[in-house]
């Protein structure tokens, strides 16, 4: 992913990603992203490659 600035006047999505913890006493990890509509395919590819 990039650190590009996204104009909030353009179509975009605010996405929260959650990774479940493998450890019983550790909290799940969360990350929040703002994704431009044009980058949704790139996000899909990135998420699928994380499997």
N, C-alpha and C. Protein backbone atom coordinates (compact mmCIF):
# COMPACT_ATOMS: atom_id res chain seq x y z
N UNK A 1 0.85 -1.17 0.00
CA UNK A 1 0.00 0.00 0.00
C UNK A 1 0.90 1.24 0.00
N UNK A 2 0.31 2.36 -0.32
CA UNK A 2 1.09 3.58 -0.44
C UNK A 2 0.65 4.60 0.61
N UNK A 3 1.41 5.65 0.70
CA UNK A 3 1.07 6.75 1.60
C UNK A 3 0.54 7.94 0.81
N UNK A 4 -0.04 7.68 -0.35
CA UNK A 4 -0.55 8.75 -1.19
C UNK A 4 -1.71 9.47 -0.51
N UNK A 5 -1.82 10.76 -0.76
CA UNK A 5 -2.93 11.55 -0.25
C UNK A 5 -4.16 11.30 -1.12
N UNK A 6 -5.30 11.10 -0.47
CA UNK A 6 -6.55 10.86 -1.19
C UNK A 6 -7.47 12.04 -0.91
N UNK A 7 -7.97 12.64 -1.97
CA UNK A 7 -8.91 13.74 -1.82
C UNK A 7 -10.25 13.17 -1.33
N UNK A 8 -10.71 13.66 -0.20
CA UNK A 8 -11.96 13.15 0.36
C UNK A 8 -13.19 13.62 -0.40
N UNK A 9 -12.99 14.51 -1.38
CA UNK A 9 -14.11 14.91 -2.24
C UNK A 9 -14.30 13.91 -3.37
N UNK A 10 -13.34 12.99 -3.56
CA UNK A 10 -13.44 11.92 -4.56
C UNK A 10 -14.00 10.66 -3.90
N UNK A 11 -14.61 9.76 -4.67
CA UNK A 11 -15.12 8.51 -4.08
C UNK A 11 -14.00 7.74 -3.39
N UNK A 12 -14.27 7.29 -2.16
CA UNK A 12 -13.27 6.57 -1.38
C UNK A 12 -13.97 5.69 -0.36
N UNK A 13 -13.21 4.80 0.24
CA UNK A 13 -13.73 3.90 1.26
C UNK A 13 -12.82 3.97 2.48
N UNK A 14 -13.44 3.93 3.66
CA UNK A 14 -12.70 3.84 4.92
C UNK A 14 -12.82 2.38 5.34
N UNK A 15 -11.69 1.69 5.43
CA UNK A 15 -11.67 0.25 5.64
C UNK A 15 -10.97 -0.06 6.97
N UNK A 16 -11.58 -0.93 7.75
CA UNK A 16 -10.93 -1.42 8.97
C UNK A 16 -10.58 -2.89 8.74
N UNK A 17 -9.31 -3.21 8.89
CA UNK A 17 -8.84 -4.58 8.76
C UNK A 17 -8.62 -5.15 10.14
N UNK A 18 -9.00 -6.41 10.31
CA UNK A 18 -8.80 -7.07 11.61
C UNK A 18 -8.10 -8.39 11.38
N UNK A 19 -7.03 -8.61 12.13
CA UNK A 19 -6.32 -9.89 12.10
C UNK A 19 -6.51 -10.53 13.47
N UNK A 20 -7.11 -11.72 13.46
CA UNK A 20 -7.33 -12.42 14.71
C UNK A 20 -6.00 -12.85 15.31
N UNK A 21 -5.89 -12.70 16.60
CA UNK A 21 -4.68 -13.11 17.31
C UNK A 21 -4.62 -14.63 17.39
N UNK A 22 -3.43 -15.16 17.25
CA UNK A 22 -3.25 -16.61 17.40
C UNK A 22 -3.10 -16.99 18.87
N UNK A 23 -2.96 -15.98 19.73
CA UNK A 23 -2.74 -16.24 21.15
C UNK A 23 -4.00 -15.88 21.94
N UNK A 24 -4.29 -16.69 22.89
CA UNK A 24 -5.52 -16.54 23.66
C UNK A 24 -5.61 -15.21 24.42
N UNK A 25 -4.51 -14.73 24.95
CA UNK A 25 -4.53 -13.54 25.81
C UNK A 25 -4.06 -12.28 25.10
N UNK A 26 -3.89 -12.33 23.80
CA UNK A 26 -3.46 -11.17 23.03
C UNK A 26 -4.64 -10.66 22.20
N UNK A 27 -4.82 -9.36 22.16
CA UNK A 27 -5.92 -8.76 21.40
C UNK A 27 -5.71 -8.91 19.90
N UNK A 28 -6.82 -8.90 19.17
CA UNK A 28 -6.74 -8.88 17.71
C UNK A 28 -6.06 -7.58 17.27
N UNK A 29 -5.41 -7.62 16.11
CA UNK A 29 -4.78 -6.43 15.56
C UNK A 29 -5.77 -5.73 14.62
N UNK A 30 -5.79 -4.41 14.66
CA UNK A 30 -6.66 -3.61 13.80
C UNK A 30 -5.83 -2.56 13.07
N UNK A 31 -6.21 -2.30 11.83
CA UNK A 31 -5.57 -1.26 11.05
C UNK A 31 -6.66 -0.58 10.23
N UNK A 32 -6.57 0.73 10.07
CA UNK A 32 -7.57 1.46 9.29
C UNK A 32 -6.92 2.11 8.09
N UNK A 33 -7.59 2.02 6.96
CA UNK A 33 -7.09 2.56 5.71
C UNK A 33 -8.17 3.39 5.03
N UNK A 34 -7.74 4.37 4.25
CA UNK A 34 -8.63 5.08 3.33
C UNK A 34 -8.18 4.68 1.93
N UNK A 35 -9.11 4.12 1.16
CA UNK A 35 -8.81 3.59 -0.15
C UNK A 35 -9.62 4.34 -1.20
N UNK A 36 -8.93 4.82 -2.23
CA UNK A 36 -9.65 5.47 -3.32
C UNK A 36 -10.41 4.40 -4.09
N UNK A 37 -11.50 4.78 -4.68
CA UNK A 37 -12.31 3.84 -5.45
C UNK A 37 -11.48 3.19 -6.56
N UNK A 38 -10.56 3.94 -7.14
CA UNK A 38 -9.73 3.44 -8.23
C UNK A 38 -8.75 2.36 -7.76
N UNK A 39 -8.49 2.27 -6.45
CA UNK A 39 -7.51 1.32 -5.93
C UNK A 39 -8.14 0.07 -5.33
N UNK A 40 -9.44 -0.14 -5.52
CA UNK A 40 -10.08 -1.30 -4.90
C UNK A 40 -9.53 -2.62 -5.42
N UNK A 41 -9.24 -2.70 -6.72
CA UNK A 41 -8.67 -3.93 -7.27
C UNK A 41 -7.30 -4.21 -6.66
N UNK A 42 -6.51 -3.16 -6.47
CA UNK A 42 -5.19 -3.31 -5.85
C UNK A 42 -5.34 -3.81 -4.41
N UNK A 43 -6.33 -3.28 -3.68
CA UNK A 43 -6.57 -3.74 -2.31
C UNK A 43 -6.95 -5.21 -2.31
N UNK A 44 -7.83 -5.63 -3.22
CA UNK A 44 -8.20 -7.04 -3.30
C UNK A 44 -6.99 -7.92 -3.53
N UNK A 45 -6.13 -7.53 -4.46
CA UNK A 45 -4.93 -8.32 -4.74
C UNK A 45 -4.02 -8.38 -3.52
N UNK A 46 -3.85 -7.27 -2.83
CA UNK A 46 -2.99 -7.21 -1.65
C UNK A 46 -3.53 -8.13 -0.55
N UNK A 47 -4.85 -8.08 -0.32
CA UNK A 47 -5.44 -8.92 0.72
C UNK A 47 -5.34 -10.40 0.37
N UNK A 48 -5.55 -10.75 -0.89
CA UNK A 48 -5.47 -12.15 -1.30
C UNK A 48 -4.04 -12.67 -1.19
N UNK A 49 -3.05 -11.81 -1.40
CA UNK A 49 -1.65 -12.25 -1.30
C UNK A 49 -1.22 -12.47 0.15
N UNK A 50 -1.99 -11.98 1.10
CA UNK A 50 -1.66 -12.12 2.53
C UNK A 50 -2.07 -13.47 3.08
N UNK A 51 -2.79 -14.28 2.33
CA UNK A 51 -3.24 -15.60 2.80
C UNK A 51 -2.12 -16.58 2.89
